[in-house]
Amino acid sequence: MSKVPATRPERVLFVHAHPDDETLASGGTIATLLELGAEVTVLTATRGEQGEVLVPELAGIAGDGPRVAEHRETEIAAALAALGGPAHLWLGGPGARPTDLAPRRYTDSGMQWGPDGRAIAADDAPADSLTAADLGEVVDDVRAAIRSTGADAVVSYADDGGYGHPDHVRVHHAARYAARAEEVPFSMIVDPATTEPDLTVDVVPVRAKVRAALEQYRSQLTVDPAATDDPRALSWVMPHGERQHARDVEAFRHDADPVPETPQTFAELSGQGKAAAVVVSVVAGLLAGALGTVTHQQTIGGIPVGMVITTLVVVGLVVGLRLLFRSRVLVAAAGVAVIVATQVLVSVGGQSSPLVLANPAGYVWTFAPAVITLLALAWPDLSGLRAARAAAEARDGARSGSALPRE
């Protein structure tokens, strides 16, 4: 799954949006990995300031973001201890922030329920909320967490955030981009009932730990009493009244490795690639020159088919190289090779060589390769204009917060 030295355990980074998400969505896997000896870190993006408060005795902090955040900090600390004690980081804080930047806190963006029963963005997301932050900054913070933990794998939500919460969606994109940038495998938490997973984890053996962790989030959910007839059963009631049941497995789908970009022009090739391209162009030019020198005098029924075909071969070679690789170097290499091949064959034949005669076909073959090559070398290269336009579009995208690749 990753490049893990045999001398140390695997290190997995779970990236979640709010306290309790790590337990609800992946608590069983976290506990299982810890029991197997893996080094697990939970990275939490916000402190859930916008979360509802269900416990009557905590009603006094409801709606008070800083006090809710302080309370939820204690809840997640207790929950992680119940799961087995993974390391914990806050996004934007120590270990999850580039060292040349001052720490920052991302606050809960809030949400509301849409007409289809899925979460949508709130109308009053705070200015310092996760979704209001520049995505590039969020990605850099996740990348810092990957580096500080030495993570071999990153786990977070699927692209819909599980149920549409805008903070979950933002965390998905940030974690996915960061994992790709750091060349670390990325896996998404999925519903095995609707998505074919690549990996499932049997979490029944750690059910007691997950229950104990969920019970720490009394401000956010109510865990149903344990059933005496089925100790594996685990259910809870969410703030909006929905009763949820723990699955026996937690499922994950691995992100496909990005397809490496294939060099499109001569300038994009590596040094060895450029040398190979020049050699191939020279060889192709020598073959075209030798073929043309030998066959350009051929006629069929008085039609100079040899002259036409060999001229078209040269046109196809040099024009094709210019169009495909946008390179004058390859055009010059092929064109010169055509001329050299012709002159070498003529010199071998001496002054009486029958290969290039003083007739129309001979004159065409003598001068056409040079003229075609010069024309191919002379026409303007518009790739600079295209690159400038692409750069301008990228700058415009960056100003609007969309400079990172879209999905």
Protein backbone atom coordinates (compact mmCIF):
# COMPACT_ATOMS: atom_id res chain seq x y z
CA MET A 1 0.00 0.00 0.00
CA SER A 2 2.89 2.34 0.65
CA LYS A 3 6.62 2.54 0.91
CA VAL A 4 6.88 1.49 4.54
CA PRO A 5 10.31 0.47 5.83
CA ALA A 6 10.26 -2.92 7.52
CA THR A 7 11.80 -1.33 10.61
CA ARG A 8 8.72 0.67 11.59
CA PRO A 9 4.92 0.29 11.62
CA GLU A 10 2.66 1.84 9.05
CA ARG A 11 1.59 5.43 9.71
CA VAL A 12 -1.94 6.44 8.75
CA LEU A 13 -3.38 9.96 8.81
CA PHE A 14 -7.17 10.33 9.14
CA VAL A 15 -8.44 13.76 8.11
CA HIS A 16 -11.84 14.81 9.48
CA ALA A 17 -13.88 17.98 9.65
CA HIS A 18 -15.24 18.10 13.24
CA PRO A 19 -14.89 16.30 16.55
CA ASP A 20 -16.98 13.09 16.49
CA ASP A 21 -16.58 12.61 12.71
CA GLU A 22 -13.50 10.47 13.25
CA THR A 23 -15.46 8.05 15.45
CA LEU A 24 -18.71 8.05 13.49
CA ALA A 25 -17.07 7.49 10.12
CA SER A 26 -13.89 5.56 10.88
CA GLY A 27 -13.65 4.84 14.59
CA GLY A 28 -13.61 1.09 14.13
CA THR A 29 -10.76 1.26 11.64
CA ILE A 30 -8.77 3.61 13.86
CA ALA A 31 -9.13 1.25 16.82
CA THR A 32 -8.29 -1.77 14.67
CA LEU A 33 -5.14 -0.19 13.26
CA LEU A 34 -3.97 0.78 16.72
CA GLU A 35 -4.46 -2.78 17.95
CA LEU A 36 -2.40 -4.00 14.99
CA GLY A 37 0.45 -1.71 15.96
CA ALA A 38 0.03 1.02 13.35
CA GLU A 39 0.82 4.63 14.18
CA VAL A 40 -2.42 6.56 13.69
CA THR A 41 -2.94 10.32 13.69
CA VAL A 42 -6.30 12.06 13.56
CA LEU A 43 -6.24 15.52 11.97
CA THR A 44 -9.35 17.57 12.82
CA ALA A 45 -10.08 20.66 10.74
CA THR A 46 -12.45 22.56 13.05
CA ARG A 47 -13.69 22.38 16.62
CA GLY A 48 -17.35 22.09 15.63
CA GLU A 49 -18.33 25.53 16.89
CA GLN A 50 -21.64 25.42 15.00
CA GLY A 51 -22.69 22.05 16.38
CA GLU A 52 -25.94 21.67 18.26
CA VAL A 53 -25.82 21.06 21.99
CA LEU A 54 -28.21 18.30 23.08
CA VAL A 55 -27.46 17.95 26.80
CA PRO A 56 -29.71 20.11 28.99
CA GLU A 57 -26.92 20.80 31.47
CA LEU A 58 -24.85 22.27 28.61
CA ALA A 59 -27.63 24.49 27.31
CA GLY A 60 -25.75 27.52 28.62
CA ILE A 61 -23.02 27.16 25.98
CA ALA A 62 -25.38 26.62 23.02
CA GLY A 63 -24.73 29.19 20.33
CA ASP A 64 -21.52 30.37 22.00
CA GLY A 65 -18.92 29.25 19.47
CA PRO A 66 -15.79 29.60 21.63
CA ARG A 67 -17.38 27.78 24.58
CA VAL A 68 -18.75 25.03 22.35
CA ALA A 69 -15.28 24.65 20.82
CA GLU A 70 -13.68 24.39 24.25
CA HIS A 71 -16.15 21.71 25.31
CA ARG A 72 -15.76 19.71 22.12
CA GLU A 73 -11.99 19.74 22.58
CA THR A 74 -12.52 17.80 25.81
CA GLU A 75 -14.92 15.42 24.09
CA ILE A 76 -12.57 14.49 21.27
CA ALA A 77 -9.68 14.00 23.68
CA ALA A 78 -11.75 11.51 25.68
CA ALA A 79 -13.09 9.80 22.55
CA LEU A 80 -9.64 9.29 21.05
CA ALA A 81 -8.43 7.86 24.34
CA ALA A 82 -11.34 5.38 24.24
CA LEU A 83 -10.37 4.32 20.70
CA GLY A 84 -6.87 3.47 21.82
CA GLY A 85 -5.04 6.79 21.90
CA PRO A 86 -4.12 7.90 18.37
CA ALA A 87 -2.11 11.09 18.03
CA HIS A 88 -4.16 14.20 17.39
CA LEU A 89 -3.56 17.41 15.44
CA TRP A 90 -5.68 20.48 14.76
CA LEU A 91 -5.57 21.80 11.20
CA GLY A 92 -3.59 25.04 11.13
CA GLY A 93 -1.91 24.26 14.44
CA PRO A 94 1.46 22.75 15.37
CA GLY A 95 2.31 19.83 13.11
CA ALA A 96 -0.38 20.81 10.62
CA ARG A 97 0.85 24.18 9.44
CA PRO A 98 3.89 25.17 7.34
CA THR A 99 6.60 26.31 9.74
CA ASP A 100 6.97 29.67 8.00
CA LEU A 101 3.32 30.60 8.67
CA ALA A 102 1.69 31.73 11.89
CA PRO A 103 -0.82 29.22 13.33
CA ARG A 104 -4.49 29.74 12.56
CA ARG A 105 -7.82 28.24 13.54
CA TYR A 106 -10.44 27.14 11.05
CA THR A 107 -13.95 27.39 12.44
CA ASP A 108 -16.99 25.29 11.68
CA SER A 109 -18.78 26.51 8.54
CA GLY A 110 -22.17 25.33 9.71
CA MET A 111 -24.80 23.70 7.53
CA GLN A 112 -28.50 23.41 6.93
CA TRP A 113 -30.65 20.62 5.62
CA GLY A 114 -31.60 20.84 1.95
CA PRO A 115 -34.93 19.83 0.46
CA ASP A 116 -33.52 16.41 -0.46
CA GLY A 117 -32.53 15.66 3.12
CA ARG A 118 -28.82 16.22 2.53
CA ALA A 119 -26.68 18.87 4.15
CA ILE A 120 -25.98 22.10 2.27
CA ALA A 121 -23.96 25.21 3.07
CA ALA A 122 -25.26 27.53 5.76
CA ASP A 123 -26.32 31.03 4.83
CA ASP A 124 -24.13 32.60 7.52
CA ALA A 125 -20.77 30.81 7.40
CA PRO A 126 -18.25 32.78 9.51
CA ALA A 127 -15.48 34.70 7.77
CA ASP A 128 -12.87 32.48 9.43
CA SER A 129 -14.68 29.25 8.57
CA LEU A 130 -13.08 26.34 6.79
CA THR A 131 -15.06 26.82 3.59
CA ALA A 132 -14.22 30.54 3.49
CA ALA A 133 -10.49 29.82 3.65
CA ASP A 134 -8.36 29.61 0.53
CA LEU A 135 -8.26 25.99 -0.57
CA GLY A 136 -4.56 26.22 -1.34
CA GLU A 137 -3.84 27.22 2.26
CA VAL A 138 -5.90 24.31 3.57
CA VAL A 139 -4.04 21.92 1.28
CA ASP A 140 -0.69 23.25 2.47
CA ASP A 141 -1.72 22.64 6.09
CA VAL A 142 -2.72 19.04 5.33
CA ARG A 143 0.57 18.56 3.48
CA ALA A 144 2.40 19.81 6.56
CA ALA A 145 0.55 17.20 8.64
CA ILE A 146 1.50 14.45 6.20
CA ARG A 147 5.15 15.44 6.47
CA SER A 148 5.20 15.92 10.24
CA THR A 149 3.61 12.52 10.86
CA GLY A 150 5.53 10.70 8.14
CA ALA A 151 2.19 9.32 6.96
CA ASP A 152 2.23 6.41 4.54
CA ALA A 153 -1.50 6.72 3.80
CA VAL A 154 -4.19 9.39 4.09
CA VAL A 155 -7.87 8.63 4.74
CA SER A 156 -10.79 11.02 4.49
CA TYR A 157 -14.30 11.37 3.06
CA ALA A 158 -15.53 10.70 -0.46
CA ASP A 159 -16.15 13.68 -2.71
CA ASP A 160 -19.68 14.25 -1.37
CA GLY A 161 -18.39 14.43 2.18
CA GLY A 162 -20.58 11.51 3.19
CA TYR A 163 -23.80 13.48 3.42
CA GLY A 164 -23.05 16.83 1.82
CA HIS A 165 -21.71 18.88 4.73
CA PRO A 166 -19.62 21.68 3.14
CA ASP A 167 -16.79 21.20 5.64
CA HIS A 168 -16.63 17.50 4.78
CA VAL A 169 -16.49 18.28 1.07
CA ARG A 170 -13.73 20.83 1.62
CA VAL A 171 -11.74 18.34 3.71
CA HIS A 172 -12.07 15.72 0.98
CA HIS A 173 -10.61 18.01 -1.66
CA ALA A 174 -7.85 19.31 0.59
CA ALA A 175 -6.80 15.84 1.78
CA ARG A 176 -6.91 14.39 -1.72
CA TYR A 177 -4.85 17.18 -3.28
CA ALA A 178 -2.37 17.09 -0.39
CA ALA A 179 -1.93 13.32 -0.62
CA ARG A 180 -1.30 13.54 -4.35
CA ALA A 181 1.17 16.38 -3.90
CA GLU A 182 3.06 14.38 -1.25
CA GLU A 183 2.78 11.19 -3.36
CA VAL A 184 0.98 9.33 -0.56
CA PRO A 185 -1.93 6.91 -1.20
CA PHE A 186 -5.36 8.41 -0.49
CA SER A 187 -8.43 6.39 0.49
CA MET A 188 -12.04 7.54 0.79
CA ILE A 189 -14.62 6.42 3.33
CA VAL A 190 -17.59 4.96 1.43
CA ASP A 191 -20.89 3.27 2.08
CA PRO A 192 -20.49 -0.40 1.11
CA ALA A 193 -24.22 -0.57 0.37
CA THR A 194 -23.93 1.96 -2.47
CA THR A 195 -20.27 1.83 -3.53
CA GLU A 196 -18.01 -1.06 -4.40
CA PRO A 197 -15.16 -0.73 -1.90
CA ASP A 198 -11.53 -1.65 -2.40
CA LEU A 199 -11.08 -2.46 1.28
CA THR A 200 -13.37 -3.41 4.15
CA VAL A 201 -12.44 -3.60 7.81
CA ASP A 202 -14.32 -5.87 10.21
CA VAL A 203 -14.95 -3.53 13.15
CA VAL A 204 -17.12 -5.82 15.29
CA PRO A 205 -14.15 -6.90 17.46
CA VAL A 206 -13.59 -3.26 18.51
CA ARG A 207 -17.28 -2.41 18.96
CA ALA A 208 -16.86 -1.75 22.69
CA LYS A 209 -14.15 0.85 22.02
CA VAL A 210 -16.30 2.62 19.44
CA ARG A 211 -19.25 2.67 21.84
CA ALA A 212 -17.07 4.14 24.59
CA ALA A 213 -15.78 6.79 22.18
CA LEU A 214 -19.26 7.78 20.98
CA GLU A 215 -20.46 8.09 24.55
CA GLN A 216 -17.98 10.94 25.02
CA TYR A 217 -19.89 13.09 22.52
CA ARG A 218 -22.89 13.72 24.75
CA SER A 219 -23.29 17.25 23.40
CA GLN A 220 -23.80 15.90 19.88
CA LEU A 221 -25.55 12.54 20.00
CA THR A 222 -27.28 10.09 22.30
CA VAL A 223 -26.01 6.52 22.33
CA ASP A 224 -28.71 3.90 22.81
CA PRO A 225 -28.25 1.54 25.79
CA ALA A 226 -26.42 -1.69 25.02
CA ALA A 227 -28.72 -4.56 24.08
CA THR A 228 -28.29 -7.52 26.40
CA ASP A 229 -29.28 -9.98 23.66
CA ASP A 230 -26.83 -8.59 21.09
CA PRO A 231 -23.64 -7.02 22.47
CA ARG A 232 -22.56 -6.16 18.92
CA ALA A 233 -25.52 -3.83 18.41
CA LEU A 234 -24.66 -0.13 18.52
CA SER A 235 -26.98 2.72 17.61
CA TRP A 236 -27.34 6.40 18.43
CA VAL A 237 -29.63 9.35 17.75
CA MET A 238 -28.28 12.35 15.86
CA PRO A 239 -29.29 15.99 16.56
CA HIS A 240 -31.88 16.00 13.77
CA GLY A 241 -33.55 12.95 15.29
CA GLU A 242 -32.25 10.26 12.94
CA ARG A 243 -31.26 6.99 14.56
CA GLN A 244 -28.13 5.50 13.04
CA HIS A 245 -26.72 2.00 13.43
CA ALA A 246 -23.06 1.01 13.42
CA ARG A 247 -22.06 -1.15 10.48
CA ASP A 248 -20.17 -4.38 10.97
CA VAL A 249 -17.59 -3.22 8.44
CA GLU A 250 -16.10 0.12 7.51
CA ALA A 251 -15.39 0.45 3.80
CA PHE A 252 -12.87 2.40 1.78
CA ARG A 253 -12.18 3.09 -1.87
CA HIS A 254 -8.64 3.89 -2.96
CA ASP A 255 -8.07 6.96 -5.06
CA ALA A 256 -6.77 6.08 -8.49
CA ASP A 257 -3.17 7.09 -9.03
CA PRO A 258 -3.05 10.20 -11.20
CA VAL A 259 -1.94 9.41 -14.74
CA PRO A 260 1.49 10.93 -15.31
CA GLU A 261 1.44 13.64 -17.90
CA THR A 262 3.04 12.54 -21.16
CA PRO A 263 5.44 15.09 -22.61
CA GLN A 264 3.71 16.82 -25.49
CA THR A 265 6.55 18.89 -27.00
CA PHE A 266 10.29 18.63 -27.57
CA ALA A 267 10.87 21.22 -24.82
CA GLU A 268 9.01 19.03 -22.30
CA LEU A 269 11.19 15.97 -22.94
CA SER A 270 13.98 15.01 -20.58
CA GLY A 271 17.58 15.40 -21.69
CA GLN A 272 17.76 11.76 -22.73
CA GLY A 273 14.40 12.10 -24.46
CA LYS A 274 15.61 15.07 -26.47
CA ALA A 275 18.77 13.24 -27.53
CA ALA A 276 16.75 10.20 -28.58
CA ALA A 277 14.32 12.38 -30.53
CA VAL A 278 17.17 14.02 -32.43
CA VAL A 279 18.71 10.64 -33.25
CA VAL A 280 15.38 9.27 -34.48
CA SER A 281 14.83 12.40 -36.60
CA VAL A 282 18.29 12.06 -38.17
CA VAL A 283 17.75 8.38 -38.93
CA ALA A 284 14.34 9.12 -40.44
CA GLY A 285 15.86 11.90 -42.54
CA LEU A 286 18.67 9.65 -43.78
CA LEU A 287 16.17 6.96 -44.77
CA ALA A 288 13.92 9.48 -46.51
CA GLY A 289 16.91 11.00 -48.31
CA ALA A 290 18.22 7.63 -49.46
CA LEU A 291 14.78 6.49 -50.59
CA GLY A 292 14.13 9.72 -52.44
CA THR A 293 17.52 9.73 -54.15
CA VAL A 294 17.00 6.20 -55.45
CA THR A 295 13.35 6.50 -56.49
CA HIS A 296 12.64 10.13 -57.44
CA GLN A 297 13.23 9.45 -61.16
CA GLN A 298 10.58 6.71 -61.35
CA THR A 299 7.65 7.32 -63.67
CA ILE A 300 4.51 5.42 -64.55
CA GLY A 301 3.00 6.20 -67.90
CA GLY A 302 4.97 9.41 -68.05
CA ILE A 303 3.73 10.52 -64.61
CA PRO A 304 6.62 11.39 -62.23
CA VAL A 305 5.27 9.35 -59.35
CA GLY A 306 8.72 8.97 -57.81
CA MET A 307 9.25 12.71 -57.59
CA VAL A 308 5.77 13.29 -56.13
CA ILE A 309 5.97 10.51 -53.56
CA THR A 310 9.47 11.32 -52.35
CA THR A 311 8.64 15.01 -52.04
CA LEU A 312 5.52 14.18 -50.05
CA VAL A 313 7.60 11.93 -47.78
CA VAL A 314 9.87 14.86 -46.96
CA VAL A 315 6.91 17.17 -46.42
CA GLY A 316 5.27 14.65 -44.12
CA LEU A 317 8.46 14.13 -42.14
CA VAL A 318 9.48 17.72 -41.44
CA VAL A 319 5.97 19.15 -41.14
CA GLY A 320 4.92 16.27 -38.92
CA LEU A 321 7.88 16.85 -36.59
CA ARG A 322 7.10 20.56 -36.38
CA LEU A 323 3.43 20.03 -35.64
CA LEU A 324 3.83 17.14 -33.19
CA PHE A 325 6.80 18.39 -31.21
CA ARG A 326 6.78 22.14 -32.04
CA SER A 327 10.53 21.87 -32.49
CA ARG A 328 12.75 23.53 -35.05
CA VAL A 329 15.63 21.39 -33.78
CA LEU A 330 14.01 18.16 -34.96
CA VAL A 331 12.97 19.71 -38.27
CA ALA A 332 16.54 20.89 -38.93
CA ALA A 333 17.95 17.49 -37.95
CA ALA A 334 15.65 15.63 -40.33
CA GLY A 335 16.01 18.14 -43.17
CA VAL A 336 19.79 18.19 -43.02
CA ALA A 337 19.85 14.39 -42.88
CA VAL A 338 17.76 14.19 -46.09
CA ILE A 339 20.22 16.50 -47.89
CA VAL A 340 23.27 14.69 -46.50
CA ALA A 341 21.93 11.29 -47.57
CA THR A 342 21.34 12.62 -51.10
CA GLN A 343 24.79 14.16 -51.40
CA VAL A 344 26.55 11.09 -50.03
CA LEU A 345 24.82 8.79 -52.51
CA VAL A 346 25.54 11.13 -55.39
CA SER A 347 29.19 11.45 -54.41
CA VAL A 348 29.52 7.69 -54.20
CA GLY A 349 28.18 7.42 -57.73
CA GLY A 350 30.59 10.07 -59.05
CA GLN A 351 29.95 12.64 -61.78
CA SER A 352 28.27 10.05 -63.97
CA SER A 353 25.87 8.96 -61.21
CA PRO A 354 22.43 8.12 -62.62
CA LEU A 355 20.76 8.85 -59.28
CA VAL A 356 20.20 12.60 -59.70
CA LEU A 357 19.87 13.63 -63.33
CA ALA A 358 19.79 17.09 -64.87
CA ASN A 359 16.04 16.91 -65.52
CA PRO A 360 12.93 18.34 -63.79
CA ALA A 361 12.71 15.46 -61.31
CA GLY A 362 16.40 15.81 -60.47
CA TYR A 363 16.13 19.56 -59.95
CA VAL A 364 13.07 19.13 -57.73
CA TRP A 365 14.77 16.50 -55.62
CA THR A 366 17.95 18.57 -55.36
CA PHE A 367 16.24 21.71 -54.06
CA ALA A 368 12.83 20.65 -52.67
CA PRO A 369 14.05 19.11 -49.36
CA ALA A 370 15.98 22.29 -48.51
CA VAL A 371 13.05 24.58 -49.40
CA ILE A 372 10.53 22.45 -47.49
CA THR A 373 12.81 22.38 -44.45
CA LEU A 374 13.33 26.14 -44.53
CA LEU A 375 9.59 26.76 -44.78
CA ALA A 376 8.91 24.43 -41.84
CA LEU A 377 11.58 26.22 -39.84
CA ALA A 378 10.28 29.65 -40.72
CA TRP A 379 6.62 29.53 -39.81
CA PRO A 380 5.79 31.17 -36.45
CA ASP A 381 5.34 29.19 -33.27
CA LEU A 382 2.10 30.19 -31.55
CA SER A 383 2.65 27.99 -28.49
CA GLY A 384 3.99 30.98 -26.55
CA LEU A 385 0.72 32.81 -27.07
CA ARG A 386 -1.19 29.73 -25.94
CA ALA A 387 0.98 29.40 -22.84
CA ALA A 388 0.49 33.08 -22.00
CA ARG A 389 -3.26 32.69 -22.29
CA ALA A 390 -3.20 29.58 -20.08
CA ALA A 391 -1.13 31.40 -17.47
CA ALA A 392 -3.59 34.29 -17.47
CA GLU A 393 -6.47 31.86 -16.97
CA ALA A 394 -4.60 30.19 -14.10
CA ARG A 395 -4.06 33.57 -12.43
CA ASP A 396 -7.74 34.40 -12.78
CA GLY A 397 -8.61 30.98 -11.29
CA ALA A 398 -6.28 31.55 -8.36
CA ARG A 399 -7.98 34.87 -7.57
CA SER A 400 -11.32 33.10 -7.43
CA GLY A 401 -9.96 30.27 -5.23
CA SER A 402 -10.07 27.65 -7.99
CA ALA A 403 -6.43 27.45 -9.00
CA LEU A 404 -6.19 23.83 -7.90
CA PRO A 405 -7.27 21.13 -10.31
CA ARG A 406 -11.00 20.57 -10.55
CA GLU A 407 -12.60 17.16 -10.38
